[in-house]
Amino acid sequence: MDEKEMLEVDIEDLKDAYKRIQEALNDLKDVDGLDEQYELLHSIAEDINDKRIENENKLERLEAIA
């Protein structure tokens, strides 16, 4: 598997993970006593989304070179 294919797989995995975490956050937003955990999970979701964007940009650069 070349770098482009690996990035494409990673991007899809990150999209899926982000979607699932967002669903969990929606389920947990009104649960009492989990504020710190909610914020941590939200932070993780944002890190995942940032990584997806980074990989998409890297993929675009690879495709522009090819």
PDB file of N, CA and C in Angstrom:
ATOM      1  N   MET A   1       0.851  -1.170   0.000  1.00  0.00           N
ATOM      2  CA  MET A   1       0.000   0.000   0.000  1.00  0.00           C
ATOM      3  C   MET A   1       0.901   1.240   0.000  1.00  0.00           C
ATOM      4  N   ASP A   2       0.672   2.144  -0.942  1.00  0.00           N
ATOM      5  CA  ASP A   2       1.499   3.343  -1.006  1.00  0.00           C
ATOM      6  C   ASP A   2       0.968   4.416  -0.050  1.00  0.00           C
ATOM      7  N   GLU A   3       1.707   5.498   0.048  1.00  0.00           N
ATOM      8  CA  GLU A   3       1.367   6.556   1.010  1.00  0.00           C
ATOM      9  C   GLU A   3      -0.012   7.145   0.737  1.00  0.00           C
ATOM     10  N   LYS A   4      -0.342   7.322  -0.542  1.00  0.00           N
ATOM     11  CA  LYS A   4      -1.648   7.890  -0.904  1.00  0.00           C
ATOM     12  C   LYS A   4      -2.780   6.986  -0.413  1.00  0.00           C
ATOM     13  N   GLU A   5      -2.656   5.703  -0.660  1.00  0.00           N
ATOM     14  CA  GLU A   5      -3.685   4.753  -0.221  1.00  0.00           C
ATOM     15  C   GLU A   5      -3.792   4.718   1.301  1.00  0.00           C
ATOM     16  N   MET A   6      -2.657   4.776   1.973  1.00  0.00           N
ATOM     17  CA  MET A   6      -2.672   4.770   3.433  1.00  0.00           C
ATOM     18  C   MET A   6      -3.378   6.019   3.971  1.00  0.00           C
ATOM     19  N   LEU A   7      -3.123   7.156   3.355  1.00  0.00           N
ATOM     20  CA  LEU A   7      -3.787   8.389   3.770  1.00  0.00           C
ATOM     21  C   LEU A   7      -5.291   8.311   3.548  1.00  0.00           C
ATOM     22  N   GLU A   8      -5.697   7.752   2.406  1.00  0.00           N
ATOM     23  CA  GLU A   8      -7.127   7.620   2.120  1.00  0.00           C
ATOM     24  C   GLU A   8      -7.822   6.751   3.169  1.00  0.00           C
ATOM     25  N   VAL A   9      -7.185   5.652   3.548  1.00  0.00           N
ATOM     26  CA  VAL A   9      -7.750   4.766   4.572  1.00  0.00           C
ATOM     27  C   VAL A   9      -7.806   5.492   5.911  1.00  0.00           C
ATOM     28  N   ASP A  10      -6.716   6.160   6.262  1.00  0.00           N
ATOM     29  CA  ASP A  10      -6.678   6.896   7.527  1.00  0.00           C
ATOM     30  C   ASP A  10      -7.766   7.964   7.582  1.00  0.00           C
ATOM     31  N   ILE A  11      -7.957   8.678   6.491  1.00  0.00           N
ATOM     32  CA  ILE A  11      -8.969   9.733   6.439  1.00  0.00           C
ATOM     33  C   ILE A  11     -10.356   9.150   6.686  1.00  0.00           C
ATOM     34  N   GLU A  12     -10.668   8.046   6.042  1.00  0.00           N
ATOM     35  CA  GLU A  12     -11.980   7.418   6.249  1.00  0.00           C
ATOM     36  C   GLU A  12     -12.144   6.925   7.686  1.00  0.00           C
ATOM     37  N   ASP A  13     -11.081   6.343   8.240  1.00  0.00           N
ATOM     38  CA  ASP A  13     -11.131   5.878   9.630  1.00  0.00           C
ATOM     39  C   ASP A  13     -11.347   7.047  10.583  1.00  0.00           C
ATOM     40  N   LEU A  14     -10.652   8.148  10.336  1.00  0.00           N
ATOM     41  CA  LEU A  14     -10.787   9.329  11.188  1.00  0.00           C
ATOM     42  C   LEU A  14     -12.183   9.940  11.071  1.00  0.00           C
ATOM     43  N   LYS A  15     -12.736   9.974   9.857  1.00  0.00           N
ATOM     44  CA  LYS A  15     -14.105  10.471   9.681  1.00  0.00           C
ATOM     45  C   LYS A  15     -15.090   9.629  10.480  1.00  0.00           C
ATOM     46  N   ASP A  16     -14.920   8.318  10.403  1.00  0.00           N
ATOM     47  CA  ASP A  16     -15.809   7.401  11.114  1.00  0.00           C
ATOM     48  C   ASP A  16     -15.679   7.571  12.628  1.00  0.00           C
ATOM     49  N   ALA A  17     -14.449   7.670  13.103  1.00  0.00           N
ATOM     50  CA  ALA A  17     -14.213   7.843  14.542  1.00  0.00           C
ATOM     51  C   ALA A  17     -14.813   9.158  15.023  1.00  0.00           C
ATOM     52  N   TYR A  18     -14.620  10.218  14.267  1.00  0.00           N
ATOM     53  CA  TYR A  18     -15.161  11.527  14.640  1.00  0.00           C
ATOM     54  C   TYR A  18     -16.688  11.474  14.708  1.00  0.00           C
ATOM     55  N   LYS A  19     -17.291  10.841  13.713  1.00  0.00           N
ATOM     56  CA  LYS A  19     -18.754  10.729  13.684  1.00  0.00           C
ATOM     57  C   LYS A  19     -19.265   9.972  14.912  1.00  0.00           C
ATOM     58  N   ARG A  20     -18.619   8.881  15.240  1.00  0.00           N
ATOM     59  CA  ARG A  20     -19.051   8.079  16.383  1.00  0.00           C
ATOM     60  C   ARG A  20     -18.884   8.826  17.708  1.00  0.00           C
ATOM     61  N   ILE A  21     -17.784   9.554  17.827  1.00  0.00           N
ATOM     62  CA  ILE A  21     -17.581  10.318  19.060  1.00  0.00           C
ATOM     63  C   ILE A  21     -18.608  11.436  19.157  1.00  0.00           C
ATOM     64  N   GLN A  22     -18.925  12.071  18.041  1.00  0.00           N
ATOM     65  CA  GLN A  22     -19.950  13.114  18.064  1.00  0.00           C
ATOM     66  C   GLN A  22     -21.300  12.543  18.501  1.00  0.00           C
ATOM     67  N   GLU A  23     -21.611  11.346  18.043  1.00  0.00           N
ATOM     68  CA  GLU A  23     -22.852  10.697  18.466  1.00  0.00           C
ATOM     69  C   GLU A  23     -22.834  10.437  19.971  1.00  0.00           C
ATOM     70  N   ALA A  24     -21.703   9.972  20.492  1.00  0.00           N
ATOM     71  CA  ALA A  24     -21.576   9.731  21.932  1.00  0.00           C
ATOM     72  C   ALA A  24     -21.693  11.042  22.702  1.00  0.00           C
ATOM     73  N   LEU A  25     -21.083  12.089  22.193  1.00  0.00           N
ATOM     74  CA  LEU A  25     -21.183  13.390  22.852  1.00  0.00           C
ATOM     75  C   LEU A  25     -22.625  13.869  22.897  1.00  0.00           C
ATOM     76  N   ASN A  26     -23.352  13.672  21.818  1.00  0.00           N
ATOM     77  CA  ASN A  26     -24.764  14.063  21.795  1.00  0.00           C
ATOM     78  C   ASN A  26     -25.560  13.295  22.846  1.00  0.00           C
ATOM     79  N   ASP A  27     -25.235  12.021  23.012  1.00  0.00           N
ATOM     80  CA  ASP A  27     -25.923  11.205  24.012  1.00  0.00           C
ATOM     81  C   ASP A  27     -25.581  11.636  25.432  1.00  0.00           C
ATOM     82  N   LEU A  28     -24.374  12.126  25.635  1.00  0.00           N
ATOM     83  CA  LEU A  28     -23.875  12.428  26.977  1.00  0.00           C
ATOM     84  C   LEU A  28     -24.020  13.888  27.393  1.00  0.00           C
ATOM     85  N   LYS A  29     -24.437  14.758  26.474  1.00  0.00           N
ATOM     86  CA  LYS A  29     -24.387  16.191  26.761  1.00  0.00           C
ATOM     87  C   LYS A  29     -25.211  16.615  27.974  1.00  0.00           C
ATOM     88  N   ASP A  30     -26.279  15.916  28.295  1.00  0.00           N
ATOM     89  CA  ASP A  30     -27.123  16.304  29.423  1.00  0.00           C
ATOM     90  C   ASP A  30     -26.993  15.389  30.632  1.00  0.00           C
ATOM     91  N   VAL A  31     -25.987  14.511  30.618  1.00  0.00           N
ATOM     92  CA  VAL A  31     -25.779  13.598  31.744  1.00  0.00           C
ATOM     93  C   VAL A  31     -25.029  14.343  32.852  1.00  0.00           C
ATOM     94  N   ASP A  32     -25.595  14.329  34.043  1.00  0.00           N
ATOM     95  CA  ASP A  32     -24.961  14.989  35.182  1.00  0.00           C
ATOM     96  C   ASP A  32     -23.743  14.215  35.660  1.00  0.00           C
ATOM     97  N   GLY A  33     -22.728  14.955  36.109  1.00  0.00           N
ATOM     98  CA  GLY A  33     -21.577  14.343  36.732  1.00  0.00           C
ATOM     99  C   GLY A  33     -20.483  13.887  35.785  1.00  0.00           C
ATOM    100  N   LEU A  34     -20.633  14.163  34.502  1.00  0.00           N
ATOM    101  CA  LEU A  34     -19.609  13.736  33.539  1.00  0.00           C
ATOM    102  C   LEU A  34     -18.996  14.921  32.788  1.00  0.00           C
ATOM    103  N   ASP A  35     -19.009  16.082  33.400  1.00  0.00           N
ATOM    104  CA  ASP A  35     -18.529  17.279  32.704  1.00  0.00           C
ATOM    105  C   ASP A  35     -17.069  17.166  32.270  1.00  0.00           C
ATOM    106  N   GLU A  36     -16.196  16.711  33.169  1.00  0.00           N
ATOM    107  CA  GLU A  36     -14.773  16.586  32.816  1.00  0.00           C
ATOM    108  C   GLU A  36     -14.565  15.558  31.707  1.00  0.00           C
ATOM    109  N   GLN A  37     -15.244  14.430  31.816  1.00  0.00           N
ATOM    110  CA  GLN A  37     -15.119  13.383  30.805  1.00  0.00           C
ATOM    111  C   GLN A  37     -15.681  13.861  29.460  1.00  0.00           C
ATOM    112  N   TYR A  38     -16.789  14.598  29.523  1.00  0.00           N
ATOM    113  CA  TYR A  38     -17.393  15.141  28.311  1.00  0.00           C
ATOM    114  C   TYR A  38     -16.402  16.073  27.609  1.00  0.00           C
ATOM    115  N   GLU A  39     -15.778  16.958  28.388  1.00  0.00           N
ATOM    116  CA  GLU A  39     -14.812  17.893  27.812  1.00  0.00           C
ATOM    117  C   GLU A  39     -13.604  17.162  27.236  1.00  0.00           C
ATOM    118  N   LEU A  40     -13.148  16.125  27.907  1.00  0.00           N
ATOM    119  CA  LEU A  40     -12.025  15.337  27.409  1.00  0.00           C
ATOM    120  C   LEU A  40     -12.391  14.649  26.094  1.00  0.00           C
ATOM    121  N   LEU A  41     -13.568  14.054  26.045  1.00  0.00           N
ATOM    122  CA  LEU A  41     -14.021  13.388  24.827  1.00  0.00           C
ATOM    123  C   LEU A  41     -14.182  14.398  23.693  1.00  0.00           C
ATOM    124  N   HIS A  42     -14.672  15.580  24.009  1.00  0.00           N
ATOM    125  CA  HIS A  42     -14.809  16.641  23.009  1.00  0.00           C
ATOM    126  C   HIS A  42     -13.433  17.033  22.471  1.00  0.00           C
ATOM    127  N   SER A  43     -12.460  17.147  23.364  1.00  0.00           N
ATOM    128  CA  SER A  43     -11.100  17.480  22.968  1.00  0.00           C
ATOM    129  C   SER A  43     -10.508  16.402  22.061  1.00  0.00           C
ATOM    130  N   ILE A  44     -10.764  15.153  22.401  1.00  0.00           N
ATOM    131  CA  ILE A  44     -10.287  14.046  21.573  1.00  0.00           C
ATOM    132  C   ILE A  44     -10.923  14.110  20.189  1.00  0.00           C
ATOM    133  N   ALA A  45     -12.212  14.395  20.132  1.00  0.00           N
ATOM    134  CA  ALA A  45     -12.906  14.509  18.846  1.00  0.00           C
ATOM    135  C   ALA A  45     -12.283  15.608  17.994  1.00  0.00           C
ATOM    136  N   GLU A  46     -11.959  16.726  18.607  1.00  0.00           N
ATOM    137  CA  GLU A  46     -11.346  17.829  17.858  1.00  0.00           C
ATOM    138  C   GLU A  46      -9.947  17.456  17.375  1.00  0.00           C
ATOM    139  N   ASP A  47      -9.188  16.722  18.189  1.00  0.00           N
ATOM    140  CA  ASP A  47      -7.868  16.248  17.758  1.00  0.00           C
ATOM    141  C   ASP A  47      -7.991  15.315  16.557  1.00  0.00           C
ATOM    142  N   ILE A  48      -8.980  14.444  16.590  1.00  0.00           N
ATOM    143  CA  ILE A  48      -9.231  13.520  15.478  1.00  0.00           C
ATOM    144  C   ILE A  48      -9.576  14.300  14.220  1.00  0.00           C
ATOM    145  N   ASN A  49     -10.432  15.304  14.349  1.00  0.00           N
ATOM    146  CA  ASN A  49     -10.827  16.105  13.198  1.00  0.00           C
ATOM    147  C   ASN A  49      -9.633  16.886  12.640  1.00  0.00           C
ATOM    148  N   ASP A  50      -8.803  17.422  13.527  1.00  0.00           N
ATOM    149  CA  ASP A  50      -7.600  18.135  13.079  1.00  0.00           C
ATOM    150  C   ASP A  50      -6.670  17.199  12.306  1.00  0.00           C
ATOM    151  N   LYS A  51      -6.508  15.976  12.792  1.00  0.00           N
ATOM    152  CA  LYS A  51      -5.661  14.994  12.110  1.00  0.00           C
ATOM    153  C   LYS A  51      -6.234  14.642  10.740  1.00  0.00           C
ATOM    154  N   ARG A  52      -7.552  14.530  10.646  1.00  0.00           N
ATOM    155  CA  ARG A  52      -8.198  14.258   9.356  1.00  0.00           C
ATOM    156  C   ARG A  52      -7.902  15.378   8.366  1.00  0.00           C
ATOM    157  N   ILE A  53      -8.045  16.608   8.816  1.00  0.00           N
ATOM    158  CA  ILE A  53      -7.787  17.762   7.953  1.00  0.00           C
ATOM    159  C   ILE A  53      -6.316  17.776   7.511  1.00  0.00           C
ATOM    160  N   GLU A  54      -5.433  17.496   8.445  1.00  0.00           N
ATOM    161  CA  GLU A  54      -4.003  17.434   8.130  1.00  0.00           C
ATOM    162  C   GLU A  54      -3.733  16.368   7.062  1.00  0.00           C
ATOM    163  N   ASN A  55      -4.344  15.196   7.221  1.00  0.00           N
ATOM    164  CA  ASN A  55      -4.149  14.117   6.250  1.00  0.00           C
ATOM    165  C   ASN A  55      -4.762  14.466   4.901  1.00  0.00           C
ATOM    166  N   GLU A  56      -5.916  15.131   4.903  1.00  0.00           N
ATOM    167  CA  GLU A  56      -6.530  15.533   3.638  1.00  0.00           C
ATOM    168  C   GLU A  56      -5.632  16.528   2.898  1.00  0.00           C
ATOM    169  N   ASN A  57      -5.044  17.455   3.640  1.00  0.00           N
ATOM    170  CA  ASN A  57      -4.131  18.418   3.023  1.00  0.00           C
ATOM    171  C   ASN A  57      -2.899  17.715   2.452  1.00  0.00           C
ATOM    172  N   LYS A  58      -2.377  16.763   3.197  1.00  0.00           N
ATOM    173  CA  LYS A  58      -1.214  16.002   2.737  1.00  0.00           C
ATOM    174  C   LYS A  58      -1.566  15.214   1.477  1.00  0.00           C
ATOM    175  N   LEU A  59      -2.757  14.608   1.458  1.00  0.00           N
ATOM    176  CA  LEU A  59      -3.203  13.867   0.287  1.00  0.00           C
ATOM    177  C   LEU A  59      -3.343  14.779  -0.925  1.00  0.00           C
ATOM    178  N   GLU A  60      -3.895  15.969  -0.718  1.00  0.00           N
ATOM    179  CA  GLU A  60      -4.029  16.930  -1.817  1.00  0.00           C
ATOM    180  C   GLU A  60      -2.663  17.300  -2.391  1.00  0.00           C
ATOM    181  N   ARG A  61      -1.680  17.490  -1.514  1.00  0.00           N
ATOM    182  CA  ARG A  61      -0.332  17.819  -1.988  1.00  0.00           C
ATOM    183  C   ARG A  61       0.263  16.666  -2.791  1.00  0.00           C
ATOM    184  N   LEU A  62       0.050  15.442  -2.305  1.00  0.00           N
ATOM    185  CA  LEU A  62       0.556  14.266  -3.037  1.00  0.00           C
ATOM    186  C   LEU A  62      -0.105  14.154  -4.424  1.00  0.00           C
ATOM    187  N   GLU A  63      -1.403  14.413  -4.461  1.00  0.00           N
ATOM    188  CA  GLU A  63      -2.117  14.329  -5.748  1.00  0.00           C
ATOM    189  C   GLU A  63      -1.694  15.445  -6.696  1.00  0.00           C
ATOM    190  N   ALA A  64      -1.348  16.589  -6.164  1.00  0.00           N
ATOM    191  CA  ALA A  64      -0.906  17.706  -7.010  1.00  0.00           C
ATOM    192  C   ALA A  64       0.449  17.422  -7.628  1.00  0.00           C
ATOM    193  N   ILE A  65       1.277  16.681  -6.899  1.00  0.00           N
ATOM    194  CA  ILE A  65       2.607  16.339  -7.401  1.00  0.00           C
ATOM    195  C   ILE A  65       2.520  15.287  -8.500  1.00  0.00           C
ATOM    196  N   ALA A  66       1.565  14.365  -8.350  1.00  0.00           N
ATOM    197  CA  ALA A  66       1.460  13.243  -9.284  1.00  0.00           C
ATOM    198  C   ALA A  66       0.925  13.620 -10.628  1.00  0.00           C
TER     199      ALA A  66
END
